[in-house]
Amino acid sequence: MSSCYTENMQEKHGFRMKILFRSLMLTGIIFELVIVLASVIGGGFPLQVVAFPLAPILVALGLLFSGMIRDRSVCGSWASSLSKTACRFGVSRRALVLLVSEIYSITSFARVFNRVKPVQVGEIHPGHKNLRTVVFLVVGLVVVEIVVVHLAITSEIWRIVLFVSSLYALVLLLGFYTSIRMNPHVVESGSLKIRHGIRFSCVIPWEQVRSLKGIGAGQGSNVFVNEDNELRVPVLSEVNLRLELHSPVVIEDLHFGEAEITAVDVYCDDKKALLDSVKQVSDQ
C-alpha cells in the first residue's frame, strides 16, 4: 500500500488550502446572490455580469479536482486519498465519494456492451447474475416512464428536464452494473482477489485463509464491517461464501476507507465453481 502525506505536511498545506478554497467559494456565492437580487429588484444585467461571479467558484472547484487527482497519485487509491483531500479542503468526504462514484459509473457505462476479458493468470468468477434481472426490469420501467411522461406532460421544458433526468439515472444504474460485471472475483495460484465494482478490491494470500465455505444469504444490503471486524460484501442483499482469516488483514473501501477484517462474506454466481477452483489450487 502506498504511503500518503505525513501529518506535518497535512498540517502545513491543509489549513491554507482550506481557507483559500472556502474563501473562493464564499466570494463567488455571495457575489452571485447580490447580482441576482439586484437584477430582480432593479432590472436585468448582461449575461457576462451574471456569469462573472462563477469565476472564483470554478477556480475553487479546479483546485479541489486537481487536489483530488494529486492525492490519488500519491496515496495509490481513492479509498485512502479521499480522507486526505476532505481534510485538506474542509469538505465532506461523503460528497467526494459520491462524486468519484458517479464519475466511475459514467465511465463504466461506456463498457456496457463489452465482454469480460479473461485474466492472464487465474480463473475469474463473476458475481452479478442476480443483479442483472433487476437492472433489465428497471431499464424497461424507465423506458415506459419516458413514454408516459412525454404523452402526459404538455410543457416542452418539463419534458426535456424529466427526459434528461431519467436518462442520467439510467446511465448511472447501467454504469454501476457494468462496474460489478467487469470486476469479477479472481482465484490465483497465490491469492484470492475479491472485488465489488470500483468500490472495493482486496487480495488475500492463501496462507492467510483459515477456511472458505458456502453460507446462507444473511441480512443487510450494504457493504459494511461489523463490530467483530467481519466484512460483508453483498449483491442485492445476498452473500453465499464466507472467507475466514488466520489474522486481521487491512482492506480499503471507497466509502469507509481503511479497515481491519478477520472474515469476509461475499457473493458469487457459482459458488461451487469457485470452491472447486480453490480446491484445485490447494491440491497443486
C-alpha atoms as a PDB file:
ATOM      1  CA  MET A   1       0.000   0.000   0.000  1.00  0.00           C
ATOM      2  CA  SER A   2       1.432   3.387  -0.994  1.00  0.00           C
ATOM      3  CA  SER A   3       2.348   5.862   1.737  1.00  0.00           C
ATOM      4  CA  CYS A   4       0.392   9.092   1.944  1.00  0.00           C
ATOM      5  CA  TYR A   5       1.312  12.553   3.150  1.00  0.00           C
ATOM      6  CA  THR A   6       2.839  12.778   6.621  1.00  0.00           C
ATOM      7  CA  GLU A   7       0.941  14.557   9.383  1.00  0.00           C
ATOM      8  CA  ASN A   8       3.323  17.533   9.231  1.00  0.00           C
ATOM      9  CA  MET A   9       2.740  18.022   5.506  1.00  0.00           C
ATOM     10  CA  GLN A  10      -1.012  17.820   6.019  1.00  0.00           C
ATOM     11  CA  GLU A  11      -0.925  20.489   8.721  1.00  0.00           C
ATOM     12  CA  LYS A  12       1.325  22.715   6.614  1.00  0.00           C
ATOM     13  CA  HIS A  13      -0.751  22.691   3.431  1.00  0.00           C
ATOM     14  CA  GLY A  14      -4.200  21.805   4.742  1.00  0.00           C
ATOM     15  CA  PHE A  15      -5.072  24.971   6.661  1.00  0.00           C
ATOM     16  CA  ARG A  16      -4.050  27.374   3.887  1.00  0.00           C
ATOM     17  CA  MET A  17      -5.786  25.333   1.193  1.00  0.00           C
ATOM     18  CA  LYS A  18      -8.943  25.082   3.294  1.00  0.00           C
ATOM     19  CA  ILE A  19      -9.049  28.869   3.804  1.00  0.00           C
ATOM     20  CA  LEU A  20      -8.377  29.550   0.110  1.00  0.00           C
ATOM     21  CA  PHE A  21     -11.000  27.079  -1.095  1.00  0.00           C
ATOM     22  CA  ARG A  22     -13.707  28.322   1.261  1.00  0.00           C
ATOM     23  CA  SER A  23     -12.893  31.979   0.546  1.00  0.00           C
ATOM     24  CA  LEU A  24     -13.211  31.492  -3.212  1.00  0.00           C
ATOM     25  CA  MET A  25     -16.465  29.562  -2.886  1.00  0.00           C
ATOM     26  CA  LEU A  26     -17.972  32.038  -0.428  1.00  0.00           C
ATOM     27  CA  THR A  27     -16.924  35.044  -2.525  1.00  0.00           C
ATOM     28  CA  GLY A  28     -18.435  33.600  -5.682  1.00  0.00           C
ATOM     29  CA  ILE A  29     -21.699  32.612  -3.986  1.00  0.00           C
ATOM     30  CA  ILE A  30     -22.137  35.991  -2.250  1.00  0.00           C
ATOM     31  CA  PHE A  31     -21.468  37.997  -5.420  1.00  0.00           C
ATOM     32  CA  GLU A  32     -23.790  35.765  -7.442  1.00  0.00           C
ATOM     33  CA  LEU A  33     -26.598  36.231  -4.902  1.00  0.00           C
ATOM     34  CA  VAL A  34     -26.061  40.005  -4.869  1.00  0.00           C
ATOM     35  CA  ILE A  35     -26.205  40.239  -8.668  1.00  0.00           C
ATOM     36  CA  VAL A  36     -29.294  38.021  -8.927  1.00  0.00           C
ATOM     37  CA  LEU A  37     -31.050  40.015  -6.197  1.00  0.00           C
ATOM     38  CA  ALA A  38     -30.109  43.335  -7.827  1.00  0.00           C
ATOM     39  CA  SER A  39     -31.341  42.138 -11.219  1.00  0.00           C
ATOM     40  CA  VAL A  40     -34.687  41.138  -9.717  1.00  0.00           C
ATOM     41  CA  ILE A  41     -35.102  44.494  -7.973  1.00  0.00           C
ATOM     42  CA  GLY A  42     -33.618  46.923 -10.474  1.00  0.00           C
ATOM     43  CA  GLY A  43     -33.710  45.218 -13.841  1.00  0.00           C
ATOM     44  CA  GLY A  44     -31.641  42.735 -15.804  1.00  0.00           C
ATOM     45  CA  PHE A  45     -27.864  42.588 -16.153  1.00  0.00           C
ATOM     46  CA  PRO A  46     -25.814  41.429 -19.135  1.00  0.00           C
ATOM     47  CA  LEU A  47     -25.020  37.723 -19.156  1.00  0.00           C
ATOM     48  CA  GLN A  48     -21.301  38.459 -18.683  1.00  0.00           C
ATOM     49  CA  VAL A  49     -22.020  40.282 -15.416  1.00  0.00           C
ATOM     50  CA  VAL A  50     -24.244  37.479 -14.096  1.00  0.00           C
ATOM     51  CA  ALA A  51     -21.651  34.835 -15.026  1.00  0.00           C
ATOM     52  CA  PHE A  52     -18.626  36.731 -13.659  1.00  0.00           C
ATOM     53  CA  PRO A  53     -19.021  35.526 -10.014  1.00  0.00           C
ATOM     54  CA  LEU A  54     -18.822  31.951 -11.292  1.00  0.00           C
ATOM     55  CA  ALA A  55     -15.103  32.501 -11.963  1.00  0.00           C
ATOM     56  CA  PRO A  56     -13.938  32.145  -8.305  1.00  0.00           C
ATOM     57  CA  ILE A  57     -16.254  29.142  -7.875  1.00  0.00           C
ATOM     58  CA  LEU A  58     -14.732  27.455 -10.927  1.00  0.00           C
ATOM     59  CA  VAL A  59     -11.224  28.242  -9.647  1.00  0.00           C
ATOM     60  CA  ALA A  60     -12.107  26.694  -6.268  1.00  0.00           C
ATOM     61  CA  LEU A  61     -13.502  23.567  -7.934  1.00  0.00           C
ATOM     62  CA  GLY A  62     -10.405  23.383 -10.148  1.00  0.00           C
ATOM     63  CA  LEU A  63      -8.207  23.440  -7.040  1.00  0.00           C
ATOM     64  CA  LEU A  64     -10.348  20.728  -5.456  1.00  0.00           C
ATOM     65  CA  PHE A  65     -10.253  18.443  -8.508  1.00  0.00           C
ATOM     66  CA  SER A  66      -6.511  18.896  -9.004  1.00  0.00           C
ATOM     67  CA  GLY A  67      -6.005  18.176  -5.303  1.00  0.00           C
ATOM     68  CA  MET A  68      -8.081  15.008  -5.590  1.00  0.00           C
ATOM     69  CA  ILE A  69      -6.006  13.789  -8.532  1.00  0.00           C
ATOM     70  CA  ARG A  70      -2.739  14.651  -6.800  1.00  0.00           C
ATOM     71  CA  ASP A  71      -3.712  12.876  -3.576  1.00  0.00           C
ATOM     72  CA  ARG A  72      -4.877   9.855  -5.597  1.00  0.00           C
ATOM     73  CA  SER A  73      -1.493   9.591  -7.345  1.00  0.00           C
ATOM     74  CA  VAL A  74       0.379   9.879  -4.036  1.00  0.00           C
ATOM     75  CA  CYS A  75      -1.795   7.516  -1.995  1.00  0.00           C
ATOM     76  CA  GLY A  76      -2.375   4.941  -4.728  1.00  0.00           C
ATOM     77  CA  SER A  77      -6.149   4.591  -4.252  1.00  0.00           C
ATOM     78  CA  TRP A  78      -9.268   6.701  -3.840  1.00  0.00           C
ATOM     79  CA  ALA A  79     -10.147   4.878  -0.625  1.00  0.00           C
ATOM     80  CA  SER A  80      -7.108   6.281   1.171  1.00  0.00           C
ATOM     81  CA  SER A  81      -6.750   9.589  -0.696  1.00  0.00           C
ATOM     82  CA  LEU A  82     -10.271  10.991  -0.261  1.00  0.00           C
ATOM     83  CA  SER A  83      -9.864  11.336   3.507  1.00  0.00           C
ATOM     84  CA  LYS A  84      -6.730  13.421   2.923  1.00  0.00           C
ATOM     85  CA  THR A  85      -8.461  15.588   0.332  1.00  0.00           C
ATOM     86  CA  ALA A  86     -11.545  16.112   2.503  1.00  0.00           C
ATOM     87  CA  CYS A  87      -9.395  17.174   5.453  1.00  0.00           C
ATOM     88  CA  ARG A  88      -7.175  19.458   3.370  1.00  0.00           C
ATOM     89  CA  PHE A  89     -10.044  21.304   1.656  1.00  0.00           C
ATOM     90  CA  GLY A  90     -12.545  21.175   4.506  1.00  0.00           C
ATOM     91  CA  VAL A  91     -15.226  19.362   2.523  1.00  0.00           C
ATOM     92  CA  SER A  92     -17.324  16.304   3.277  1.00  0.00           C
ATOM     93  CA  ARG A  93     -15.625  13.006   2.457  1.00  0.00           C
ATOM     94  CA  ARG A  94     -19.030  11.541   1.610  1.00  0.00           C
ATOM     95  CA  ALA A  95     -19.560  14.236  -1.027  1.00  0.00           C
ATOM     96  CA  LEU A  96     -16.209  13.357  -2.620  1.00  0.00           C
ATOM     97  CA  VAL A  97     -17.093   9.650  -2.514  1.00  0.00           C
ATOM     98  CA  LEU A  98     -20.393  10.303  -4.312  1.00  0.00           C
ATOM     99  CA  LEU A  99     -18.583  12.428  -6.902  1.00  0.00           C
ATOM    100  CA  VAL A 100     -15.972   9.735  -7.607  1.00  0.00           C
ATOM    101  CA  SER A 101     -18.661   7.032  -7.700  1.00  0.00           C
ATOM    102  CA  GLU A 102     -20.733   8.980 -10.237  1.00  0.00           C
ATOM    103  CA  ILE A 103     -17.721   9.656 -12.453  1.00  0.00           C
ATOM    104  CA  TYR A 104     -16.764   5.974 -12.443  1.00  0.00           C
ATOM    105  CA  SER A 105     -20.360   4.916 -13.129  1.00  0.00           C
ATOM    106  CA  ILE A 106     -20.474   7.230 -16.154  1.00  0.00           C
ATOM    107  CA  THR A 107     -17.130   5.980 -17.480  1.00  0.00           C
ATOM    108  CA  SER A 108     -18.149   2.359 -16.821  1.00  0.00           C
ATOM    109  CA  PHE A 109     -21.290   2.914 -18.919  1.00  0.00           C
ATOM    110  CA  ALA A 110     -19.029   3.198 -21.977  1.00  0.00           C
ATOM    111  CA  ARG A 111     -18.188  -0.510 -21.488  1.00  0.00           C
ATOM    112  CA  VAL A 112     -21.764  -1.699 -21.005  1.00  0.00           C
ATOM    113  CA  PHE A 113     -21.608  -3.936 -24.116  1.00  0.00           C
ATOM    114  CA  ASN A 114     -18.030  -5.140 -23.565  1.00  0.00           C
ATOM    115  CA  ARG A 115     -17.291  -8.709 -22.611  1.00  0.00           C
ATOM    116  CA  VAL A 116     -15.268  -9.562 -19.527  1.00  0.00           C
ATOM    117  CA  LYS A 117     -11.723 -10.327 -20.605  1.00  0.00           C
ATOM    118  CA  PRO A 118     -10.099 -13.469 -19.184  1.00  0.00           C
ATOM    119  CA  VAL A 119      -7.165 -12.844 -16.867  1.00  0.00           C
ATOM    120  CA  GLN A 120      -3.676 -13.990 -17.861  1.00  0.00           C
ATOM    121  CA  VAL A 121      -3.149 -15.814 -14.572  1.00  0.00           C
ATOM    122  CA  GLY A 122      -6.001 -17.318 -12.565  1.00  0.00           C
ATOM    123  CA  GLU A 123      -9.697 -18.018 -13.060  1.00  0.00           C
ATOM    124  CA  ILE A 124     -12.499 -15.448 -12.939  1.00  0.00           C
ATOM    125  CA  HIS A 125     -15.746 -15.948 -11.018  1.00  0.00           C
ATOM    126  CA  PRO A 126     -18.439 -13.294 -11.648  1.00  0.00           C
ATOM    127  CA  GLY A 127     -20.914 -12.065  -9.049  1.00  0.00           C
ATOM    128  CA  HIS A 128     -23.571 -10.068 -10.899  1.00  0.00           C
ATOM    129  CA  LYS A 129     -26.191 -12.594 -12.056  1.00  0.00           C
ATOM    130  CA  ASN A 130     -28.929 -11.738  -9.533  1.00  0.00           C
ATOM    131  CA  LEU A 131     -28.374  -8.020 -10.192  1.00  0.00           C
ATOM    132  CA  ARG A 132     -28.880  -8.437 -13.948  1.00  0.00           C
ATOM    133  CA  THR A 133     -32.604  -9.255 -13.741  1.00  0.00           C
ATOM    134  CA  VAL A 134     -33.335  -6.210 -11.593  1.00  0.00           C
ATOM    135  CA  VAL A 135     -31.327  -3.921 -13.880  1.00  0.00           C
ATOM    136  CA  PHE A 136     -33.168  -5.106 -17.006  1.00  0.00           C
ATOM    137  CA  LEU A 137     -36.504  -4.640 -15.216  1.00  0.00           C
ATOM    138  CA  VAL A 138     -35.601  -1.074 -14.182  1.00  0.00           C
ATOM    139  CA  VAL A 139     -34.440  -0.269 -17.731  1.00  0.00           C
ATOM    140  CA  GLY A 140     -37.822  -1.393 -19.058  1.00  0.00           C
ATOM    141  CA  LEU A 141     -39.674   0.692 -16.457  1.00  0.00           C
ATOM    142  CA  VAL A 142     -37.606   3.775 -17.293  1.00  0.00           C
ATOM    143  CA  VAL A 143     -38.418   3.400 -20.999  1.00  0.00           C
ATOM    144  CA  VAL A 144     -42.129   3.135 -20.161  1.00  0.00           C
ATOM    145  CA  GLU A 145     -41.832   6.143 -17.835  1.00  0.00           C
ATOM    146  CA  ILE A 146     -40.217   8.271 -20.552  1.00  0.00           C
ATOM    147  CA  VAL A 147     -43.034   7.449 -22.997  1.00  0.00           C
ATOM    148  CA  VAL A 148     -45.795   8.083 -20.420  1.00  0.00           C
ATOM    149  CA  VAL A 149     -44.255  11.388 -19.289  1.00  0.00           C
ATOM    150  CA  HIS A 150     -43.891  12.518 -22.902  1.00  0.00           C
ATOM    151  CA  LEU A 151     -47.587  11.863 -23.532  1.00  0.00           C
ATOM    152  CA  ALA A 152     -48.876  13.188 -20.197  1.00  0.00           C
ATOM    153  CA  ILE A 153     -46.918  16.458 -19.901  1.00  0.00           C
ATOM    154  CA  THR A 154     -47.571  19.260 -22.362  1.00  0.00           C
ATOM    155  CA  SER A 155     -44.723  21.572 -21.303  1.00  0.00           C
ATOM    156  CA  GLU A 156     -41.748  21.064 -23.616  1.00  0.00           C
ATOM    157  CA  ILE A 157     -39.298  22.310 -20.979  1.00  0.00           C
ATOM    158  CA  TRP A 158     -40.502  19.820 -18.361  1.00  0.00           C
ATOM    159  CA  ARG A 159     -40.434  17.049 -20.940  1.00  0.00           C
ATOM    160  CA  ILE A 160     -36.777  17.772 -21.630  1.00  0.00           C
ATOM    161  CA  VAL A 161     -35.896  18.099 -17.926  1.00  0.00           C
ATOM    162  CA  LEU A 162     -37.564  14.809 -16.973  1.00  0.00           C
ATOM    163  CA  PHE A 163     -36.161  13.029 -20.028  1.00  0.00           C
ATOM    164  CA  VAL A 164     -32.595  14.115 -19.233  1.00  0.00           C
ATOM    165  CA  SER A 165     -33.038  13.205 -15.539  1.00  0.00           C
ATOM    166  CA  SER A 166     -34.355   9.730 -16.384  1.00  0.00           C
ATOM    167  CA  LEU A 167     -31.611   9.177 -18.937  1.00  0.00           C
ATOM    168  CA  TYR A 168     -28.908  10.250 -16.480  1.00  0.00           C
ATOM    169  CA  ALA A 169     -30.271   7.937 -13.764  1.00  0.00           C
ATOM    170  CA  LEU A 170     -30.313   5.105 -16.305  1.00  0.00           C
ATOM    171  CA  VAL A 171     -26.679   5.771 -17.247  1.00  0.00           C
ATOM    172  CA  LEU A 172     -25.654   5.667 -13.562  1.00  0.00           C
ATOM    173  CA  LEU A 173     -27.528   2.395 -12.993  1.00  0.00           C
ATOM    174  CA  LEU A 174     -26.074   0.677 -16.069  1.00  0.00           C
ATOM    175  CA  GLY A 175     -22.635   2.052 -15.210  1.00  0.00           C
ATOM    176  CA  PHE A 176     -22.860   0.597 -11.704  1.00  0.00           C
ATOM    177  CA  TYR A 177     -23.998  -2.764 -13.079  1.00  0.00           C
ATOM    178  CA  THR A 178     -21.171  -2.741 -15.628  1.00  0.00           C
ATOM    179  CA  SER A 179     -18.579  -1.989 -12.946  1.00  0.00           C
ATOM    180  CA  ILE A 180     -19.779  -5.042 -10.987  1.00  0.00           C
ATOM    181  CA  ARG A 181     -19.822  -7.233 -14.108  1.00  0.00           C
ATOM    182  CA  MET A 182     -16.377  -6.151 -15.334  1.00  0.00           C
ATOM    183  CA  ASN A 183     -14.709  -6.750 -11.958  1.00  0.00           C
ATOM    184  CA  PRO A 184     -15.277 -10.418 -11.049  1.00  0.00           C
ATOM    185  CA  HIS A 185     -13.538 -12.327  -8.275  1.00  0.00           C
ATOM    186  CA  VAL A 186     -10.274 -13.989  -9.339  1.00  0.00           C
ATOM    187  CA  VAL A 187      -8.763 -17.219  -7.988  1.00  0.00           C
ATOM    188  CA  GLU A 188      -4.983 -17.139  -8.485  1.00  0.00           C
ATOM    189  CA  SER A 189      -2.254 -19.579  -7.545  1.00  0.00           C
ATOM    190  CA  GLY A 190      -1.085 -17.425  -4.646  1.00  0.00           C
ATOM    191  CA  SER A 191      -4.166 -15.480  -3.615  1.00  0.00           C
ATOM    192  CA  LEU A 192      -7.874 -14.778  -3.901  1.00  0.00           C
ATOM    193  CA  LYS A 193      -8.885 -11.381  -5.305  1.00  0.00           C
ATOM    194  CA  ILE A 194     -12.277 -10.199  -4.057  1.00  0.00           C
ATOM    195  CA  ARG A 195     -13.893  -7.283  -5.904  1.00  0.00           C
ATOM    196  CA  HIS A 196     -17.104  -5.271  -5.823  1.00  0.00           C
ATOM    197  CA  GLY A 197     -17.179  -2.903  -8.766  1.00  0.00           C
ATOM    198  CA  ILE A 198     -14.817   0.043  -8.390  1.00  0.00           C
ATOM    199  CA  ARG A 199     -15.756   0.449  -4.732  1.00  0.00           C
ATOM    200  CA  PHE A 200     -13.860  -2.453  -3.198  1.00  0.00           C
ATOM    201  CA  SER A 201     -10.960  -4.728  -4.107  1.00  0.00           C
ATOM    202  CA  CYS A 202      -8.614  -6.754  -1.927  1.00  0.00           C
ATOM    203  CA  VAL A 203      -6.081  -9.514  -2.468  1.00  0.00           C
ATOM    204  CA  ILE A 204      -5.893 -12.170   0.258  1.00  0.00           C
ATOM    205  CA  PRO A 205      -2.918 -14.596   0.175  1.00  0.00           C
ATOM    206  CA  TRP A 206      -3.831 -18.237   0.638  1.00  0.00           C
ATOM    207  CA  GLU A 207      -1.613 -18.525   3.722  1.00  0.00           C
ATOM    208  CA  GLN A 208      -3.930 -16.024   5.433  1.00  0.00           C
ATOM    209  CA  VAL A 209      -7.049 -18.086   4.687  1.00  0.00           C
ATOM    210  CA  ARG A 210      -8.272 -20.285   7.526  1.00  0.00           C
ATOM    211  CA  SER A 211     -11.450 -21.525   5.820  1.00  0.00           C
ATOM    212  CA  LEU A 212     -13.659 -20.892   2.788  1.00  0.00           C
ATOM    213  CA  LYS A 213     -17.188 -22.273   2.752  1.00  0.00           C
ATOM    214  CA  GLY A 214     -20.685 -21.715   1.398  1.00  0.00           C
ATOM    215  CA  ILE A 215     -23.221 -19.892   3.592  1.00  0.00           C
ATOM    216  CA  GLY A 216     -26.808 -18.633   3.506  1.00  0.00           C
ATOM    217  CA  ALA A 217     -27.928 -15.252   2.205  1.00  0.00           C
ATOM    218  CA  GLY A 218     -27.828 -13.468   5.583  1.00  0.00           C
ATOM    219  CA  GLN A 219     -29.124  -9.959   6.176  1.00  0.00           C
ATOM    220  CA  GLY A 220     -28.026  -6.471   5.145  1.00  0.00           C
ATOM    221  CA  SER A 221     -27.822  -4.812   1.738  1.00  0.00           C
ATOM    222  CA  ASN A 222     -24.807  -2.552   2.329  1.00  0.00           C
ATOM    223  CA  VAL A 223     -21.087  -3.205   2.311  1.00  0.00           C
ATOM    224  CA  PHE A 224     -20.017  -2.857   5.945  1.00  0.00           C
ATOM    225  CA  VAL A 225     -17.660  -4.112   8.659  1.00  0.00           C
ATOM    226  CA  ASN A 226     -19.355  -5.226  11.888  1.00  0.00           C
ATOM    227  CA  GLU A 227     -18.093  -4.979  15.475  1.00  0.00           C
ATOM    228  CA  ASP A 228     -16.246  -8.300  15.070  1.00  0.00           C
ATOM    229  CA  ASN A 229     -14.279  -6.901  12.094  1.00  0.00           C
ATOM    230  CA  GLU A 230     -16.181  -9.117   9.673  1.00  0.00           C
ATOM    231  CA  LEU A 231     -16.710  -7.632   6.216  1.00  0.00           C
ATOM    232  CA  ARG A 232     -19.950  -8.186   4.297  1.00  0.00           C
ATOM    233  CA  VAL A 233     -19.959  -7.542   0.521  1.00  0.00           C
ATOM    234  CA  PRO A 234     -23.476  -8.422  -0.714  1.00  0.00           C
ATOM    235  CA  VAL A 235     -25.072  -8.172  -4.139  1.00  0.00           C
ATOM    236  CA  LEU A 236     -28.778  -7.362  -3.735  1.00  0.00           C
ATOM    237  CA  SER A 237     -28.526  -8.238  -0.021  1.00  0.00           C
ATOM    238  CA  GLU A 238     -27.205 -11.717  -0.847  1.00  0.00           C
ATOM    239  CA  VAL A 239     -23.944 -13.446   0.060  1.00  0.00           C
ATOM    240  CA  ASN A 240     -23.129 -17.140  -0.365  1.00  0.00           C
ATOM    241  CA  LEU A 241     -19.444 -17.545   0.539  1.00  0.00           C
ATOM    242  CA  ARG A 242     -17.591 -16.956   3.792  1.00  0.00           C
ATOM    243  CA  LEU A 243     -13.832 -16.486   3.984  1.00  0.00           C
ATOM    244  CA  GLU A 244     -12.269 -16.658   7.469  1.00  0.00           C
ATOM    245  CA  LEU A 245      -8.707 -15.461   8.091  1.00  0.00           C
ATOM    246  CA  HIS A 246      -5.931 -16.523  10.449  1.00  0.00           C
ATOM    247  CA  SER A 247      -5.085 -12.905  11.323  1.00  0.00           C
ATOM    248  CA  PRO A 248      -6.559  -9.464  10.529  1.00  0.00           C
ATOM    249  CA  VAL A 249      -5.990  -8.043   7.048  1.00  0.00           C
ATOM    250  CA  VAL A 250      -6.189  -4.331   6.175  1.00  0.00           C
ATOM    251  CA  ILE A 251      -8.569  -3.592   3.294  1.00  0.00           C
ATOM    252  CA  GLU A 252      -9.608  -0.390   1.517  1.00  0.00           C
ATOM    253  CA  ASP A 253     -13.173   0.560   0.674  1.00  0.00           C
ATOM    254  CA  LEU A 254     -14.096   3.671  -1.279  1.00  0.00           C
ATOM    255  CA  HIS A 255     -16.903   4.606   1.127  1.00  0.00           C
ATOM    256  CA  PHE A 256     -15.448   3.966   4.587  1.00  0.00           C
ATOM    257  CA  GLY A 257     -11.705   3.947   3.850  1.00  0.00           C
ATOM    258  CA  GLU A 258      -9.326   1.519   5.547  1.00  0.00           C
ATOM    259  CA  ALA A 259     -10.422  -1.221   7.931  1.00  0.00           C
ATOM    260  CA  GLU A 260      -9.050  -4.384   9.515  1.00  0.00           C
ATOM    261  CA  ILE A 261     -11.051  -7.531   8.821  1.00  0.00           C
ATOM    262  CA  THR A 262     -10.979 -11.079  10.155  1.00  0.00           C
ATOM    263  CA  ALA A 263     -13.596 -12.568   7.796  1.00  0.00           C
ATOM    264  CA  VAL A 264     -15.350 -11.750   4.507  1.00  0.00           C
ATOM    265  CA  ASP A 265     -18.857 -12.677   3.334  1.00  0.00           C
ATOM    266  CA  VAL A 266     -19.193 -12.282  -0.448  1.00  0.00           C
ATOM    267  CA  TYR A 267     -21.489 -13.245  -3.312  1.00  0.00           C
ATOM    268  CA  CYS A 268     -20.515 -15.361  -6.321  1.00  0.00           C
ATOM    269  CA  ASP A 269     -22.811 -16.503  -9.149  1.00  0.00           C
ATOM    270  CA  ASP A 270     -21.483 -20.071  -8.958  1.00  0.00           C
ATOM    271  CA  LYS A 271     -20.068 -20.687  -5.508  1.00  0.00           C
ATOM    272  CA  LYS A 272     -19.443 -24.375  -6.248  1.00  0.00           C
ATOM    273  CA  ALA A 273     -17.220 -23.467  -9.207  1.00  0.00           C
ATOM    274  CA  LEU A 274     -15.229 -21.047  -7.058  1.00  0.00           C
ATOM    275  CA  LEU A 275     -14.826 -23.607  -4.278  1.00  0.00           C
ATOM    276  CA  ASP A 276     -13.686 -26.184  -6.854  1.00  0.00           C
ATOM    277  CA  SER A 277     -11.134 -23.705  -8.232  1.00  0.00           C
ATOM    278  CA  VAL A 278      -9.816 -23.087  -4.739  1.00  0.00           C
ATOM    279  CA  LYS A 279      -9.576 -26.840  -4.134  1.00  0.00           C
ATOM    280  CA  GLN A 280      -7.590 -27.297  -7.357  1.00  0.00           C
ATOM    281  CA  VAL A 281      -5.184 -24.543  -6.320  1.00  0.00           C
ATOM    282  CA  SER A 282      -4.714 -26.034  -2.843  1.00  0.00           C
ATOM    283  CA  ASP A 283      -4.076 -29.514  -4.329  1.00  0.00           C
ATOM    284  CA  GLN A 284      -1.263 -28.252  -6.560  1.00  0.00           C
END
